[in-house]
Amino acid sequence: MLYERLCHYSSKIPPFSKITRKTDDRELARAVRFLLPLMTVTVQGVVSAAYLSTTVTFFGAVMTLLLLGLDILIAIPLSAMLAAVIYYVVISYPVSMMNSYRLGLSEEADIVFEQFILVFQTHGTVFDAIEMVAQSNHPYLSKAFRHILGRIAEGVPPETCLMDFAKDQPSDDIRRYFTTIVASLERKTDLLDEISGESFEADLALRQKNLELESRLLIVAALVTYFPIMFTLAISLGGYATHLAVLLAVPFFIFFNALLRNRFSRQFSAYFDRPKDDSLLPPTQKDIIGEYDEFLSFLILLGQRLTSGDSLEVALPAVRGDLEPALQKLVDLAVNAVYQKHLSISEAMNIASEAALGQRVSQMFKMIALMCETSTQDSGERISRIAARLIKRSAIAKERDSIIAAQRMKVYLLTLTSVAVLGMLASLAPFLFIGSLLTQGPTWSLGSLSAIDIAPLLITLGITAVSMGYQNTRMVSGSRPVLMATVCGLVFWIAFAFSSGLMGLTLV
């Protein structure tokens, strides 16, 4: 990756490599060790990259601004401010990346802990449990455990690897779980059962995110609605409303809106599911909520069947009739793969996993197959316990949906008023060119201008208004995003037409 290469080359360039030799940042050193399964960087490389990036940014920005004709007294402070931002971004990237995994680790901690208990129940070893987790496709932990398997192959004891990993990661829940696992000496003890299912860190993070949700939601909506307004003012004052180059802003605004909406949508709370799709247009929160709720019911039914002695191949078609269509489709894929295509149960569950909308649902399908390979009956008990806890905790997560529903009308009103303002600003664009007023006076007269003269700006803002309505509606889980997009487009045109009539700008 680019950041990794930057750190690698920066550490070899003097004088930056010498400046960093005395650096003592324990948090950065911890983050570097934590990220080792994902990227190979050193503390010296990170600090070298920060100084190099800052220097290049400062001098590059100064030269660019001077070539653009900006006064040196303005160019230097602007360049220094940009360089300071770049330094902070580069130096804090490993720590920020480590902290971004903290909640995800807490979410997965209890499930990984259940996998260890299951292995110990069947008289397996710590190595067997590490191997199971490495194959379970957890977002970060599986990669980290594959790295641990590499260390074990080099002769490092599994217990030492687990404790080293626990020390170098940010989740208190993971640290507590792994310390207990190592202390249990590969036996299922009362202590393991007592702390099973406890995940205080994730619960606290969930409630904190719910408290911040309203402000985050409105901030995202404001950014995607007010930024086009500022763009319109800048284009109009500069006299570029008639330039075809303005059309280049269309994909930028659509991408910017999609990026912010997608980032907000991916901030799902603990014990709730995230989109498995990494694209800018993932499934809606409503669809993922529905799939996740039905999956919890599926876990309860499946756990009961497995506990009673059924195999996974027999239990899947047995519980299929009690599920809603969203989960029936996934179960049907697995059943057909086993009974019609004659695939193994692991391959069948992988097929169902790939078709899931949510990240956690996808992971659990694969993990169920791995657990049943160890012990079907014991897996049924563990799955039932996991389902009971997830159902209890999902009630807290659903507070998020109620908060979003409460703010939905605010987002709708903010979007509609913003597109109306865009329409009025579009009609004012020909009259706002300050250059013509300061030189030869106005070059227009009432009735001499038409909408065709500002067609590039008009098309840009019209498409932006439609995109804004559609994506903001999806962000708040609205049921009719296409209708809202159409309404936004009509409001934009009505505001433009009405304001144009008052200003003397003809439409044709």
Protein backbone atom coordinates (compact mmCIF):
# COMPACT_ATOMS: atom_id res chain seq x y z
CA MET A 1 0.00 0.00 0.00
CA LEU A 2 1.03 3.62 -0.57
CA TYR A 3 1.51 4.48 3.12
CA GLU A 4 3.72 1.44 3.66
CA ARG A 5 5.92 2.38 0.70
CA LEU A 6 6.16 5.97 1.88
CA CYS A 7 7.39 4.86 5.31
CA HIS A 8 9.85 2.40 3.76
CA TYR A 9 11.52 4.93 1.47
CA SER A 10 11.41 7.82 3.96
CA SER A 11 13.40 5.85 6.53
CA LYS A 12 16.29 5.64 4.04
CA ILE A 13 16.45 9.35 3.18
CA PRO A 14 18.76 11.54 5.29
CA PRO A 15 18.38 13.74 7.28
CA PHE A 16 14.88 12.41 8.08
CA SER A 17 16.15 8.96 9.03
CA LYS A 18 18.57 10.51 11.57
CA ILE A 19 15.97 12.82 13.10
CA THR A 20 13.81 9.88 14.14
CA ARG A 21 16.39 7.81 15.96
CA LYS A 22 15.54 9.35 19.35
CA THR A 23 11.78 9.09 18.90
CA ASP A 24 10.02 7.47 21.89
CA ASP A 25 6.28 7.16 21.25
CA ARG A 26 4.86 4.13 23.05
CA GLU A 27 1.38 4.46 21.52
CA LEU A 28 2.85 4.59 18.02
CA ALA A 29 5.09 1.60 18.76
CA ARG A 30 2.06 -0.35 19.99
CA ALA A 31 0.09 0.56 16.88
CA VAL A 32 2.95 -0.55 14.62
CA ARG A 33 3.03 -3.97 16.33
CA PHE A 34 -0.76 -4.26 16.17
CA LEU A 35 -0.85 -3.53 12.43
CA LEU A 36 1.86 -6.06 11.61
CA PRO A 37 -0.62 -8.57 10.10
CA LEU A 38 -1.93 -5.81 7.80
CA MET A 39 1.17 -3.82 6.88
CA THR A 40 4.86 -3.77 7.70
CA VAL A 41 6.03 -0.39 9.01
CA THR A 42 8.39 0.78 11.75
CA VAL A 43 8.25 3.69 14.17
CA GLN A 44 11.27 5.20 12.46
CA GLY A 45 9.61 4.83 9.07
CA VAL A 46 6.38 6.50 10.22
CA VAL A 47 8.14 9.50 11.77
CA SER A 48 10.46 9.82 8.75
CA ALA A 49 7.46 9.77 6.43
CA ALA A 50 5.76 12.48 8.51
CA TYR A 51 8.78 14.82 8.33
CA LEU A 52 9.37 14.12 4.63
CA SER A 53 5.71 14.65 3.71
CA THR A 54 5.60 17.89 5.73
CA THR A 55 8.72 19.28 4.06
CA VAL A 56 7.65 18.37 0.52
CA THR A 57 4.12 19.69 1.13
CA PHE A 58 5.35 23.02 2.52
CA PHE A 59 7.81 23.88 -0.24
CA GLY A 60 5.57 22.47 -2.95
CA ALA A 61 2.60 24.51 -1.74
CA VAL A 62 4.68 27.70 -1.46
CA MET A 63 5.97 27.36 -5.02
CA THR A 64 2.51 26.56 -6.39
CA LEU A 65 0.84 29.50 -4.67
CA LEU A 66 3.58 31.89 -5.77
CA LEU A 67 3.24 30.71 -9.37
CA LEU A 68 -0.50 31.40 -9.11
CA GLY A 69 0.33 35.00 -8.20
CA LEU A 70 -0.49 34.86 -4.50
CA ASP A 71 1.42 37.20 -2.19
CA ILE A 72 4.25 35.53 -0.26
CA LEU A 73 2.84 36.74 3.08
CA ILE A 74 -0.31 34.74 2.33
CA ALA A 75 1.37 31.80 0.59
CA ILE A 76 3.69 30.92 3.49
CA PRO A 77 1.00 30.75 6.25
CA LEU A 78 -1.32 28.73 3.98
CA SER A 79 1.48 26.33 3.12
CA ALA A 80 2.49 25.99 6.76
CA MET A 81 -1.08 25.20 7.76
CA LEU A 82 -1.37 22.56 5.02
CA ALA A 83 2.00 21.07 6.04
CA ALA A 84 0.87 20.85 9.67
CA VAL A 85 -2.28 18.97 8.63
CA ILE A 86 -0.23 16.55 6.50
CA TYR A 87 2.17 15.93 9.39
CA TYR A 88 -0.70 15.11 11.76
CA VAL A 89 -2.38 12.80 9.23
CA VAL A 90 0.80 10.84 8.47
CA ILE A 91 2.09 10.55 12.05
CA SER A 92 -1.28 9.59 13.53
CA TYR A 93 -2.39 7.17 10.80
CA PRO A 94 -1.20 3.94 12.52
CA VAL A 95 -2.73 4.94 15.88
CA SER A 96 -5.99 6.02 14.21
CA MET A 97 -6.13 2.78 12.26
CA MET A 98 -5.53 0.73 15.41
CA ASN A 99 -8.26 2.59 17.30
CA SER A 100 -10.68 2.08 14.41
CA TYR A 101 -10.43 -1.67 15.06
CA ARG A 102 -11.18 -1.31 18.75
CA LEU A 103 -14.96 -1.56 18.56
CA GLY A 104 -14.80 -4.26 15.90
CA LEU A 105 -12.55 -6.35 18.13
CA SER A 106 -14.95 -5.97 21.05
CA GLU A 107 -17.86 -7.01 18.83
CA GLU A 108 -16.08 -10.20 17.78
CA ALA A 109 -14.52 -10.95 21.17
CA ASP A 110 -17.38 -12.96 22.63
CA ILE A 111 -17.82 -15.11 19.51
CA VAL A 112 -14.09 -15.87 19.34
CA PHE A 113 -14.16 -16.72 23.05
CA GLU A 114 -17.00 -19.20 22.42
CA GLN A 115 -14.86 -20.85 19.75
CA PHE A 116 -12.05 -21.36 22.27
CA ILE A 117 -14.46 -22.81 24.84
CA LEU A 118 -15.90 -25.19 22.24
CA VAL A 119 -12.44 -26.47 21.35
CA PHE A 120 -11.59 -26.96 25.02
CA GLN A 121 -14.88 -28.83 25.55
CA THR A 122 -13.84 -31.33 22.89
CA HIS A 123 -10.36 -31.68 24.46
CA GLY A 124 -8.67 -29.60 21.78
CA THR A 125 -5.60 -27.43 22.32
CA VAL A 126 -4.95 -23.71 22.14
CA PHE A 127 -3.36 -24.34 18.73
CA ASP A 128 -6.60 -25.97 17.49
CA ALA A 129 -8.61 -22.95 18.66
CA ILE A 130 -6.21 -20.51 17.02
CA GLU A 131 -6.50 -22.48 13.80
CA MET A 132 -10.33 -22.35 13.96
CA VAL A 133 -10.35 -18.58 14.46
CA ALA A 134 -7.85 -18.14 11.61
CA GLN A 135 -10.29 -19.93 9.28
CA SER A 136 -13.41 -18.04 10.45
CA ASN A 137 -13.03 -14.88 8.31
CA HIS A 138 -13.29 -12.38 11.15
CA PRO A 139 -12.42 -8.90 9.76
CA TYR A 140 -9.14 -8.47 11.64
CA LEU A 141 -8.75 -11.37 14.05
CA SER A 142 -8.53 -14.06 11.37
CA LYS A 143 -5.63 -12.23 9.68
CA ALA A 144 -3.94 -11.71 13.04
CA PHE A 145 -4.36 -15.37 13.97
CA ARG A 146 -2.94 -16.49 10.62
CA HIS A 147 0.08 -14.37 11.49
CA ILE A 148 0.18 -16.10 14.89
CA LEU A 149 0.17 -19.49 13.15
CA GLY A 150 3.25 -18.34 11.27
CA ARG A 151 5.00 -17.50 14.54
CA ILE A 152 4.00 -20.86 16.01
CA ALA A 153 5.51 -22.58 12.97
CA GLU A 154 8.76 -20.80 13.82
CA GLY A 155 8.75 -22.34 17.30
CA VAL A 156 7.02 -19.72 19.47
CA PRO A 157 4.57 -21.30 21.99
CA PRO A 158 0.87 -20.60 21.25
CA GLU A 159 0.27 -19.20 24.73
CA THR A 160 3.11 -16.71 24.29
CA CYS A 161 1.69 -15.63 20.92
CA LEU A 162 -1.76 -15.06 22.45
CA MET A 163 -0.40 -12.98 25.33
CA ASP A 164 1.79 -10.92 22.98
CA PHE A 165 -1.23 -10.24 20.80
CA ALA A 166 -3.36 -9.29 23.81
CA LYS A 167 -0.75 -6.73 24.92
CA ASP A 168 -0.48 -5.09 21.49
CA GLN A 169 -4.15 -4.42 20.70
CA PRO A 170 -6.57 -1.73 21.95
CA SER A 171 -9.56 -3.80 23.14
CA ASP A 172 -9.83 -4.42 26.88
CA ASP A 173 -12.36 -7.21 26.21
CA ILE A 174 -9.93 -9.12 24.00
CA ARG A 175 -7.16 -8.69 26.57
CA ARG A 176 -9.36 -10.04 29.36
CA TYR A 177 -10.60 -12.98 27.29
CA PHE A 178 -7.17 -14.11 26.12
CA THR A 179 -5.64 -13.75 29.57
CA THR A 180 -8.37 -16.04 30.93
CA ILE A 181 -7.85 -18.51 28.08
CA VAL A 182 -4.13 -18.81 28.73
CA ALA A 183 -4.77 -19.13 32.49
CA SER A 184 -7.27 -21.97 31.92
CA LEU A 185 -4.48 -24.27 30.68
CA GLU A 186 -6.60 -25.70 27.84
CA ARG A 187 -9.41 -26.79 30.17
CA LYS A 188 -13.04 -25.70 30.29
CA THR A 189 -13.16 -24.08 33.74
CA ASP A 190 -15.83 -22.25 35.73
CA LEU A 191 -13.96 -18.99 35.14
CA LEU A 192 -14.38 -19.38 31.37
CA ASP A 193 -18.13 -19.79 31.77
CA GLU A 194 -18.41 -16.87 34.19
CA ILE A 195 -16.88 -14.29 31.85
CA SER A 196 -18.45 -15.78 28.71
CA GLY A 197 -20.61 -13.22 27.00
CA GLU A 198 -19.40 -10.22 28.97
CA SER A 199 -18.35 -7.37 26.69
CA PHE A 200 -18.61 -4.14 28.64
CA GLU A 201 -16.40 -2.13 26.31
CA ALA A 202 -18.63 -2.72 23.31
CA ASP A 203 -21.77 -1.95 25.33
CA LEU A 204 -20.34 1.40 26.43
CA ALA A 205 -19.20 2.22 22.90
CA LEU A 206 -22.66 1.39 21.58
CA ARG A 207 -24.39 3.76 23.96
CA GLN A 208 -21.84 6.49 23.22
CA LYS A 209 -22.42 6.15 19.48
CA ASN A 210 -26.17 6.32 19.99
CA LEU A 211 -25.76 9.55 21.96
CA GLU A 212 -23.63 11.04 19.17
CA LEU A 213 -25.85 9.78 16.37
CA GLU A 214 -28.16 12.79 16.04
CA SER A 215 -25.34 15.30 15.67
CA ARG A 216 -23.38 13.04 13.28
CA LEU A 217 -26.43 12.54 11.11
CA LEU A 218 -27.17 16.24 10.79
CA ILE A 219 -23.50 17.08 10.17
CA VAL A 220 -23.33 14.65 7.26
CA ALA A 221 -26.60 15.98 5.83
CA ALA A 222 -25.39 19.56 6.19
CA LEU A 223 -22.08 18.87 4.45
CA VAL A 224 -23.66 17.29 1.40
CA THR A 225 -26.26 20.06 1.10
CA TYR A 226 -24.28 23.22 1.90
CA PHE A 227 -21.14 22.37 -0.07
CA PRO A 228 -22.94 22.71 -3.46
CA ILE A 229 -24.30 26.08 -2.30
CA MET A 230 -20.80 27.39 -1.60
CA PHE A 231 -19.64 25.99 -4.95
CA THR A 232 -22.44 27.83 -6.76
CA LEU A 233 -21.55 31.13 -5.12
CA ALA A 234 -17.87 30.71 -6.00
CA ILE A 235 -18.62 29.81 -9.64
CA SER A 236 -21.10 32.67 -10.02
CA LEU A 237 -18.83 35.31 -8.51
CA GLY A 238 -15.99 34.13 -10.72
CA GLY A 239 -18.09 34.29 -13.88
CA TYR A 240 -17.72 30.60 -14.77
CA ALA A 241 -21.42 29.70 -14.82
CA THR A 242 -21.41 29.35 -18.62
CA HIS A 243 -18.23 27.22 -18.87
CA LEU A 244 -18.61 23.55 -19.83
CA ALA A 245 -15.88 22.71 -17.30
CA VAL A 246 -18.50 23.21 -14.58
CA LEU A 247 -19.98 19.83 -15.62
CA LEU A 248 -16.89 18.16 -14.18
CA ALA A 249 -18.29 18.92 -10.73
CA VAL A 250 -21.19 16.47 -11.27
CA PRO A 251 -19.24 13.24 -10.61
CA PHE A 252 -17.40 14.97 -7.77
CA PHE A 253 -20.61 15.91 -5.96
CA ILE A 254 -22.15 12.47 -6.51
CA PHE A 255 -18.99 10.76 -5.24
CA PHE A 256 -18.68 13.14 -2.28
CA ASN A 257 -22.29 12.53 -1.29
CA ALA A 258 -21.95 8.77 -1.69
CA LEU A 259 -18.71 8.72 0.29
CA LEU A 260 -20.15 10.57 3.28
CA ARG A 261 -23.39 8.58 3.22
CA ASN A 262 -21.51 5.32 2.90
CA ARG A 263 -19.17 6.23 5.75
CA PHE A 264 -22.14 7.07 7.95
CA SER A 265 -23.93 3.84 6.98
CA ARG A 266 -20.88 1.79 7.88
CA GLN A 267 -20.75 3.21 11.40
CA PHE A 268 -23.13 0.50 12.63
CA SER A 269 -23.13 0.02 16.37
CA ALA A 270 -21.84 -2.91 18.35
CA TYR A 271 -23.87 -6.17 18.23
CA PHE A 272 -25.38 -5.03 14.97
CA ASP A 273 -24.47 -5.89 11.42
CA ARG A 274 -22.52 -3.92 8.85
CA PRO A 275 -22.78 -4.09 5.06
CA LYS A 276 -20.64 -6.87 3.62
CA ASP A 277 -20.51 -5.04 0.30
CA ASP A 278 -17.54 -2.63 0.10
CA SER A 279 -18.96 -0.59 -2.79
CA LEU A 280 -20.30 2.96 -2.51
CA LEU A 281 -23.87 1.65 -2.90
CA PRO A 282 -24.20 -1.11 -0.29
CA PRO A 283 -27.55 -2.59 0.82
CA THR A 284 -29.77 -0.30 2.86
CA GLN A 285 -29.72 -0.37 6.64
CA LYS A 286 -33.34 -1.51 6.58
CA ASP A 287 -32.51 -4.60 4.51
CA ILE A 288 -29.55 -5.48 6.73
CA ILE A 289 -31.60 -5.01 9.89
CA GLY A 290 -34.25 -7.37 8.54
CA GLU A 291 -31.70 -10.02 7.58
CA TYR A 292 -29.92 -9.78 10.93
CA ASP A 293 -33.14 -10.09 12.96
CA GLU A 294 -34.19 -13.19 11.03
CA PHE A 295 -30.71 -14.64 11.35
CA LEU A 296 -30.96 -14.48 15.14
CA SER A 297 -34.17 -16.51 14.96
CA PHE A 298 -32.38 -18.95 12.66
CA LEU A 299 -29.59 -19.35 15.23
CA ILE A 300 -32.08 -20.25 17.97
CA LEU A 301 -33.87 -22.84 15.82
CA LEU A 302 -30.60 -24.28 14.53
CA GLY A 303 -29.08 -24.47 18.01
CA GLN A 304 -32.07 -26.44 19.30
CA ARG A 305 -31.85 -28.91 16.41
CA LEU A 306 -28.13 -29.44 16.81
CA THR A 307 -28.47 -29.88 20.59
CA SER A 308 -31.10 -32.58 20.08
CA GLY A 309 -28.64 -34.61 18.00
CA ASP A 310 -29.35 -33.59 14.39
CA SER A 311 -26.44 -33.04 12.04
CA LEU A 312 -26.07 -29.69 10.31
CA GLU A 313 -27.15 -31.24 6.99
CA VAL A 314 -30.40 -32.46 8.60
CA ALA A 315 -31.01 -29.35 10.73
CA LEU A 316 -30.90 -26.85 7.85
CA PRO A 317 -33.92 -28.16 5.88
CA ALA A 318 -35.76 -28.84 9.16
CA VAL A 319 -35.67 -25.19 10.26
CA ARG A 320 -36.15 -23.73 6.78
CA GLY A 321 -39.95 -23.64 6.96
CA ASP A 322 -39.97 -21.53 10.14
CA LEU A 323 -37.91 -18.71 8.61
CA GLU A 324 -38.83 -15.55 6.75
CA PRO A 325 -38.03 -15.27 2.99
CA ALA A 326 -34.80 -13.29 3.60
CA LEU A 327 -33.22 -16.22 5.45
CA GLN A 328 -35.00 -18.92 3.49
CA LYS A 329 -33.08 -17.84 0.39
CA LEU A 330 -29.75 -18.27 2.18
CA VAL A 331 -30.69 -21.61 3.72
CA ASP A 332 -32.00 -22.84 0.34
CA LEU A 333 -28.62 -22.10 -1.23
CA ALA A 334 -26.88 -24.28 1.36
CA VAL A 335 -29.48 -27.08 1.19
CA ASN A 336 -29.40 -27.21 -2.61
CA ALA A 337 -25.62 -27.26 -2.58
CA VAL A 338 -25.65 -30.31 -0.27
CA TYR A 339 -28.52 -32.36 -1.71
CA GLN A 340 -28.46 -31.41 -5.40
CA LYS A 341 -24.85 -30.46 -6.14
CA HIS A 342 -23.48 -32.96 -3.57
CA LEU A 343 -21.04 -30.47 -2.08
CA SER A 344 -19.67 -30.68 1.46
CA ILE A 345 -21.48 -28.83 4.22
CA SER A 346 -18.55 -26.40 4.56
CA GLU A 347 -18.74 -25.51 0.86
CA ALA A 348 -22.53 -25.16 1.11
CA MET A 349 -22.30 -22.78 4.07
CA ASN A 350 -19.67 -20.75 2.21
CA ILE A 351 -22.11 -20.32 -0.68
CA ALA A 352 -24.79 -19.05 1.72
CA SER A 353 -22.22 -16.81 3.36
CA GLU A 354 -21.33 -15.12 0.08
CA ALA A 355 -24.99 -14.34 -0.60
CA ALA A 356 -25.57 -12.65 2.79
CA LEU A 357 -25.99 -8.88 2.92
CA GLY A 358 -24.47 -8.31 6.36
CA GLN A 359 -20.90 -8.86 7.44
CA ARG A 360 -21.69 -10.66 10.69
CA VAL A 361 -24.32 -12.93 9.09
CA SER A 362 -21.77 -13.90 6.45
CA GLN A 363 -19.10 -14.68 9.06
CA MET A 364 -21.45 -16.68 11.26
CA PHE A 365 -22.51 -18.98 8.40
CA LYS A 366 -18.87 -19.99 7.92
CA MET A 367 -18.22 -20.21 11.64
CA ILE A 368 -21.20 -22.54 12.20
CA ALA A 369 -19.74 -25.01 9.73
CA LEU A 370 -16.35 -24.88 11.47
CA MET A 371 -17.91 -25.35 14.91
CA CYS A 372 -19.99 -28.32 13.74
CA GLU A 373 -16.87 -29.99 12.36
CA THR A 374 -15.55 -30.03 15.93
CA SER A 375 -18.69 -31.21 17.76
CA THR A 376 -22.26 -30.90 16.48
CA GLN A 377 -24.04 -31.25 19.82
CA ASP A 378 -21.68 -28.97 21.73
CA SER A 379 -21.90 -26.49 18.87
CA GLY A 380 -25.69 -26.43 19.29
CA GLU A 381 -25.34 -25.33 22.91
CA ARG A 382 -22.78 -22.64 22.04
CA ILE A 383 -24.89 -21.36 19.12
CA SER A 384 -27.98 -21.12 21.35
CA ARG A 385 -26.02 -19.14 23.94
CA ILE A 386 -24.60 -16.82 21.30
CA ALA A 387 -28.08 -16.24 19.84
CA ALA A 388 -29.60 -15.46 23.23
CA ARG A 389 -26.93 -12.85 23.97
CA LEU A 390 -27.10 -11.27 20.53
CA ILE A 391 -30.88 -10.93 20.76
CA LYS A 392 -30.59 -9.25 24.16
CA ARG A 393 -27.91 -6.87 22.95
CA SER A 394 -29.54 -6.07 19.61
CA ALA A 395 -32.32 -4.31 21.53
CA ILE A 396 -29.75 -1.67 22.51
CA ALA A 397 -28.52 -1.44 18.93
CA LYS A 398 -32.05 -0.82 17.69
CA GLU A 399 -32.04 2.47 19.56
CA ARG A 400 -30.00 3.63 16.57
CA ASP A 401 -32.86 2.92 14.21
CA SER A 402 -35.33 4.82 16.39
CA ILE A 403 -32.97 7.82 16.54
CA ILE A 404 -32.59 7.81 12.76
CA ALA A 405 -36.37 7.63 12.36
CA ALA A 406 -36.77 10.61 14.68
CA GLN A 407 -34.27 12.65 12.63
CA ARG A 408 -35.60 11.56 9.23
CA MET A 409 -37.98 14.51 8.86
CA LYS A 410 -35.20 16.97 9.73
CA VAL A 411 -33.00 15.52 7.01
CA TYR A 412 -35.86 15.67 4.51
CA LEU A 413 -36.56 19.33 5.32
CA LEU A 414 -32.86 20.22 5.20
CA THR A 415 -32.51 18.55 1.81
CA LEU A 416 -35.59 20.19 0.31
CA THR A 417 -34.71 23.68 1.53
CA SER A 418 -31.15 23.26 0.27
CA VAL A 419 -32.20 22.28 -3.25
CA ALA A 420 -34.61 25.23 -3.27
CA VAL A 421 -31.73 27.55 -2.35
CA LEU A 422 -29.66 25.97 -5.11
CA GLY A 423 -32.43 26.75 -7.59
CA MET A 424 -32.57 30.40 -6.55
CA LEU A 425 -28.78 30.75 -6.63
CA ALA A 426 -28.71 29.26 -10.12
CA SER A 427 -31.03 32.01 -11.35
CA LEU A 428 -28.76 34.65 -9.76
CA ALA A 429 -25.57 33.23 -11.29
CA PRO A 430 -25.46 35.56 -14.38
CA PHE A 431 -25.88 38.64 -12.21
CA LEU A 432 -23.25 37.75 -9.57
CA PHE A 433 -20.14 37.99 -11.76
CA ILE A 434 -18.29 40.65 -9.82
CA GLY A 435 -15.62 41.11 -12.51
CA SER A 436 -18.02 42.72 -14.99
CA LEU A 437 -19.26 45.14 -12.35
CA LEU A 438 -15.76 46.31 -11.42
CA THR A 439 -14.47 46.84 -14.98
CA GLN A 440 -16.87 47.91 -17.75
CA GLY A 441 -20.11 47.65 -15.83
CA PRO A 442 -22.81 45.02 -16.31
CA THR A 443 -22.81 43.33 -19.74
CA TRP A 444 -26.41 42.16 -19.41
CA SER A 445 -29.83 43.78 -19.41
CA LEU A 446 -33.17 42.56 -18.17
CA GLY A 447 -34.73 40.10 -20.63
CA SER A 448 -31.48 39.55 -22.55
CA LEU A 449 -30.44 36.38 -20.65
CA SER A 450 -31.91 32.88 -20.76
CA ALA A 451 -31.42 29.60 -18.96
CA ILE A 452 -29.48 28.30 -21.96
CA ASP A 453 -26.67 30.74 -21.16
CA ILE A 454 -26.03 29.03 -17.82
CA ALA A 455 -26.91 25.50 -18.97
CA PRO A 456 -23.67 23.89 -17.62
CA LEU A 457 -24.27 25.20 -14.10
CA LEU A 458 -27.96 24.40 -14.31
CA ILE A 459 -27.34 20.80 -15.36
CA THR A 460 -24.70 20.36 -12.66
CA LEU A 461 -26.92 21.63 -9.86
CA GLY A 462 -29.98 19.75 -11.15
CA ILE A 463 -28.19 16.40 -11.13
CA THR A 464 -26.66 17.23 -7.75
CA ALA A 465 -30.11 17.99 -6.31
CA VAL A 466 -31.51 14.67 -7.56
CA SER A 467 -28.49 12.76 -6.21
CA MET A 468 -28.76 14.59 -2.89
CA GLY A 469 -32.40 13.61 -2.46
CA TYR A 470 -31.76 9.97 -3.32
CA GLN A 471 -28.68 9.43 -1.19
CA ASN A 472 -29.86 11.37 1.87
CA THR A 473 -33.04 9.29 1.85
CA ARG A 474 -31.03 6.07 1.77
CA MET A 475 -28.83 7.39 4.56
CA VAL A 476 -31.82 7.71 6.91
CA SER A 477 -33.37 4.43 5.68
CA GLY A 478 -36.21 6.18 3.88
CA SER A 479 -38.63 3.91 2.04
CA ARG A 480 -38.90 5.87 -1.25
CA PRO A 481 -35.50 7.29 -2.27
CA VAL A 482 -36.47 7.53 -5.97
CA LEU A 483 -39.58 9.54 -5.14
CA MET A 484 -37.58 11.87 -2.89
CA ALA A 485 -34.99 12.32 -5.65
CA THR A 486 -37.77 13.25 -8.10
CA VAL A 487 -39.29 15.72 -5.64
CA CYS A 488 -35.88 17.36 -5.08
CA GLY A 489 -35.40 17.74 -8.82
CA LEU A 490 -38.84 19.36 -9.17
CA VAL A 491 -38.28 21.67 -6.19
CA PHE A 492 -34.96 22.77 -7.69
CA TRP A 493 -36.57 23.57 -11.04
CA ILE A 494 -39.58 25.35 -9.49
CA ALA A 495 -37.33 27.53 -7.33
CA PHE A 496 -35.16 28.30 -10.34
CA ALA A 497 -38.12 29.13 -12.56
CA PHE A 498 -39.81 31.31 -9.95
CA SER A 499 -36.65 33.23 -9.11
CA SER A 500 -35.76 33.58 -12.80
CA GLY A 501 -39.12 35.20 -13.45
CA LEU A 502 -38.48 37.77 -10.74
CA MET A 503 -34.95 38.49 -12.04
CA GLY A 504 -35.92 38.78 -15.70
CA LEU A 505 -34.06 35.62 -16.77
CA THR A 506 -36.04 33.82 -19.48
CA LEU A 507 -36.22 30.05 -19.41
CA VAL A 508 -35.74 29.55 -23.19
